C-alpha atoms as a PDB file:
ATOM      1  CA  MET A   1       0.643   1.754 -31.187  1.00  0.00           C
ATOM      2  CA  GLY A   2       2.639   4.843 -32.085  1.00  0.00           C
ATOM      3  CA  GLU A   3       1.623   6.972 -29.124  1.00  0.00           C
ATOM      4  CA  HIS A   4       3.934   7.995 -26.320  1.00  0.00           C
ATOM      5  CA  ASP A   5       4.224   5.106 -23.867  1.00  0.00           C
ATOM      6  CA  GLU A   6       3.320   7.246 -20.859  1.00  0.00           C
ATOM      7  CA  ILE A   7      -0.034   8.306 -22.302  1.00  0.00           C
ATOM      8  CA  TYR A   8      -3.119   6.173 -22.608  1.00  0.00           C
ATOM      9  CA  GLY A   9      -5.753   8.599 -23.834  1.00  0.00           C
ATOM     10  CA  GLN A  10      -9.384   8.106 -24.750  1.00  0.00           C
ATOM     11  CA  ASP A  11      -8.631   7.439 -28.437  1.00  0.00           C
ATOM     12  CA  ARG A  12      -6.252   4.634 -27.522  1.00  0.00           C
ATOM     13  CA  ILE A  13      -8.796   3.221 -25.071  1.00  0.00           C
ATOM     14  CA  ARG A  14     -11.462   3.168 -27.792  1.00  0.00           C
ATOM     15  CA  ARG A  15      -9.065   1.402 -30.189  1.00  0.00           C
ATOM     16  CA  LEU A  16      -8.274  -1.231 -27.553  1.00  0.00           C
ATOM     17  CA  GLN A  17     -11.964  -1.804 -26.908  1.00  0.00           C
ATOM     18  CA  ALA A  18     -12.556  -2.170 -30.654  1.00  0.00           C
ATOM     19  CA  MET A  19      -9.693  -4.673 -30.917  1.00  0.00           C
ATOM     20  CA  LEU A  20     -11.176  -6.746 -28.094  1.00  0.00           C
ATOM     21  CA  ARG A  21     -14.615  -6.698 -29.702  1.00  0.00           C
ATOM     22  CA  GLU A  22     -13.148  -7.691 -33.079  1.00  0.00           C
ATOM     23  CA  LEU A  23     -11.388 -10.645 -31.468  1.00  0.00           C
ATOM     24  CA  ALA A  24     -14.595 -11.703 -29.731  1.00  0.00           C
ATOM     25  CA  GLU A  25     -16.515 -11.483 -33.007  1.00  0.00           C
ATOM     26  CA  ARG A  26     -13.822 -13.448 -34.844  1.00  0.00           C
ATOM     27  CA  ILE A  27     -13.886 -16.188 -32.195  1.00  0.00           C
ATOM     28  CA  GLN A  28     -17.679 -16.417 -32.422  1.00  0.00           C
ATOM     29  CA  ASP A  29     -17.525 -16.534 -36.224  1.00  0.00           C
ATOM     30  CA  LEU A  30     -14.893 -19.262 -36.253  1.00  0.00           C
ATOM     31  CA  ASP A  31     -16.816 -21.232 -33.631  1.00  0.00           C
ATOM     32  CA  GLU A  32     -20.062 -21.047 -35.616  1.00  0.00           C
ATOM     33  CA  ARG A  33     -18.239 -22.315 -38.718  1.00  0.00           C
ATOM     34  CA  GLY A  34     -16.517 -25.087 -36.752  1.00  0.00           C
ATOM     35  CA  GLU A  35     -13.058 -23.636 -37.479  1.00  0.00           C
ATOM     36  CA  LEU A  36     -12.133 -22.419 -34.022  1.00  0.00           C
ATOM     37  CA  LEU A  37      -9.200 -24.731 -33.363  1.00  0.00           C
ATOM     38  CA  ALA A  38      -8.139 -24.816 -36.998  1.00  0.00           C
ATOM     39  CA  SER A  39      -7.453 -21.071 -36.689  1.00  0.00           C
ATOM     40  CA  ALA A  40      -5.273 -21.376 -33.604  1.00  0.00           C
ATOM     41  CA  ALA A  41      -2.280 -19.617 -35.206  1.00  0.00           C
ATOM     42  CA  GLU A  42      -4.385 -16.618 -36.226  1.00  0.00           C
ATOM     43  CA  LEU A  43      -5.950 -16.385 -32.786  1.00  0.00           C
ATOM     44  CA  GLN A  44      -2.589 -16.624 -31.052  1.00  0.00           C
ATOM     45  CA  GLU A  45      -1.258 -13.776 -33.166  1.00  0.00           C
ATOM     46  CA  ARG A  46      -4.287 -11.591 -32.420  1.00  0.00           C
ATOM     47  CA  MET A  47      -4.195 -12.432 -28.732  1.00  0.00           C
ATOM     48  CA  GLY A  48      -0.483 -11.651 -28.596  1.00  0.00           C
ATOM     49  CA  SER A  49      -1.054  -8.160 -29.950  1.00  0.00           C
ATOM     50  CA  LEU A  50      -3.986  -7.642 -27.623  1.00  0.00           C
ATOM     51  CA  ARG A  51      -2.086  -8.970 -24.630  1.00  0.00           C
ATOM     52  CA  SER A  52       0.662  -6.435 -25.234  1.00  0.00           C
ATOM     53  CA  GLU A  53      -1.819  -3.587 -25.609  1.00  0.00           C
ATOM     54  CA  LEU A  54      -3.764  -4.666 -22.511  1.00  0.00           C
ATOM     55  CA  PHE A  55      -0.510  -4.680 -20.550  1.00  0.00           C
ATOM     56  CA  HIS A  56       0.234  -1.121 -21.690  1.00  0.00           C
ATOM     57  CA  TYR A  57      -3.278  -0.082 -20.717  1.00  0.00           C
ATOM     58  CA  GLU A  58      -2.997  -1.618 -17.271  1.00  0.00           C
ATOM     59  CA  VAL A  59       0.424  -0.119 -16.585  1.00  0.00           C
ATOM     60  CA  ARG A  60      -0.212   3.312 -18.074  1.00  0.00           C
ATOM     61  CA  CYS A  61      -3.527   3.787 -16.309  1.00  0.00           C
ATOM     62  CA  THR A  62      -1.643   3.711 -13.030  1.00  0.00           C
ATOM     63  CA  TYR A  63       1.392   5.631 -14.322  1.00  0.00           C
ATOM     64  CA  ASP A  64       2.335   8.883 -12.607  1.00  0.00           C
ATOM     65  CA  THR A  65       3.733  11.519 -14.897  1.00  0.00           C
ATOM     66  CA  PRO A  66       6.877  13.203 -13.550  1.00  0.00           C
ATOM     67  CA  GLU A  67       4.765  16.190 -12.494  1.00  0.00           C
ATOM     68  CA  VAL A  68       2.268  14.023 -10.601  1.00  0.00           C
ATOM     69  CA  ALA A  69       5.090  12.077  -8.940  1.00  0.00           C
ATOM     70  CA  GLU A  70       6.759  15.328  -7.839  1.00  0.00           C
ATOM     71  CA  ASN A  71       3.470  16.681  -6.480  1.00  0.00           C
ATOM     72  CA  ARG A  72       2.915  13.426  -4.589  1.00  0.00           C
ATOM     73  CA  ARG A  73       6.453  13.645  -3.149  1.00  0.00           C
ATOM     74  CA  ILE A  74       5.848  17.232  -1.984  1.00  0.00           C
ATOM     75  CA  VAL A  75       2.563  16.319  -0.312  1.00  0.00           C
ATOM     76  CA  ASP A  76       4.099  13.255   1.356  1.00  0.00           C
ATOM     77  CA  GLU A  77       7.046  15.307   2.570  1.00  0.00           C
ATOM     78  CA  ALA A  78       4.745  18.042   3.910  1.00  0.00           C
ATOM     79  CA  SER A  79       2.695  15.414   5.755  1.00  0.00           C
ATOM     80  CA  GLU A  80       5.688  14.279   7.794  1.00  0.00           C
ATOM     81  CA  PRO A  81       6.446  16.021  11.072  1.00  0.00           C
ATOM     82  CA  PRO A  82       9.345  18.469  10.862  1.00  0.00           C
ATOM     83  CA  GLU A  83      12.781  17.187  11.820  1.00  0.00           C
ATOM     84  CA  PHE A  84      13.006  19.382  14.921  1.00  0.00           C
ATOM     85  CA  LEU A  85      10.085  17.414  16.392  1.00  0.00           C
ATOM     86  CA  ASN A  86      11.900  14.110  15.893  1.00  0.00           C
ATOM     87  CA  PRO A  87      14.675  14.000  18.490  1.00  0.00           C
ATOM     88  CA  ASN A  88      17.875  12.436  17.340  1.00  0.00           C
ATOM     89  CA  GLU A  89      19.613   9.910  19.609  1.00  0.00           C
ATOM     90  CA  ASP A  90      22.618  12.212  19.857  1.00  0.00           C
ATOM     91  CA  GLU A  91      20.508  15.178  20.922  1.00  0.00           C
ATOM     92  CA  ASP A  92      18.480  15.734  24.061  1.00  0.00           C
ATOM     93  CA  PRO A  93      16.710  12.398  24.585  1.00  0.00           C
ATOM     94  CA  TRP A  94      14.298  13.867  27.151  1.00  0.00           C
ATOM     95  CA  ARG A  95      12.737  16.095  24.488  1.00  0.00           C
ATOM     96  CA  ARG A  96       9.624  14.496  23.081  1.00  0.00           C
ATOM     97  CA  PRO A  97       7.395  15.842  20.320  1.00  0.00           C
ATOM     98  CA  PRO A  98       4.147  17.381  21.519  1.00  0.00           C
ATOM     99  CA  GLU A  99       1.150  15.109  21.348  1.00  0.00           C
END
């Protein structure tokens, strides 16, 4: 697939689905003709290509773009209590953050 590795858009999803359906149809056709195991090399080649594409789909569907990762970092950082509420061992140990 020639698309950018970080993107798995709807067109690429439709192509992957079509590839899976084509493999399923080919397996059924070979099975009906009694040639399923005789076509092992062909099936391995097809499954290899599909396996690679499925891996990209799985990984890229969970991929955070740099912008999303930065936004997540900002939100996570903002969710933490400020440093002045976390007493340091070297500072006044009797100071506790408000509850």
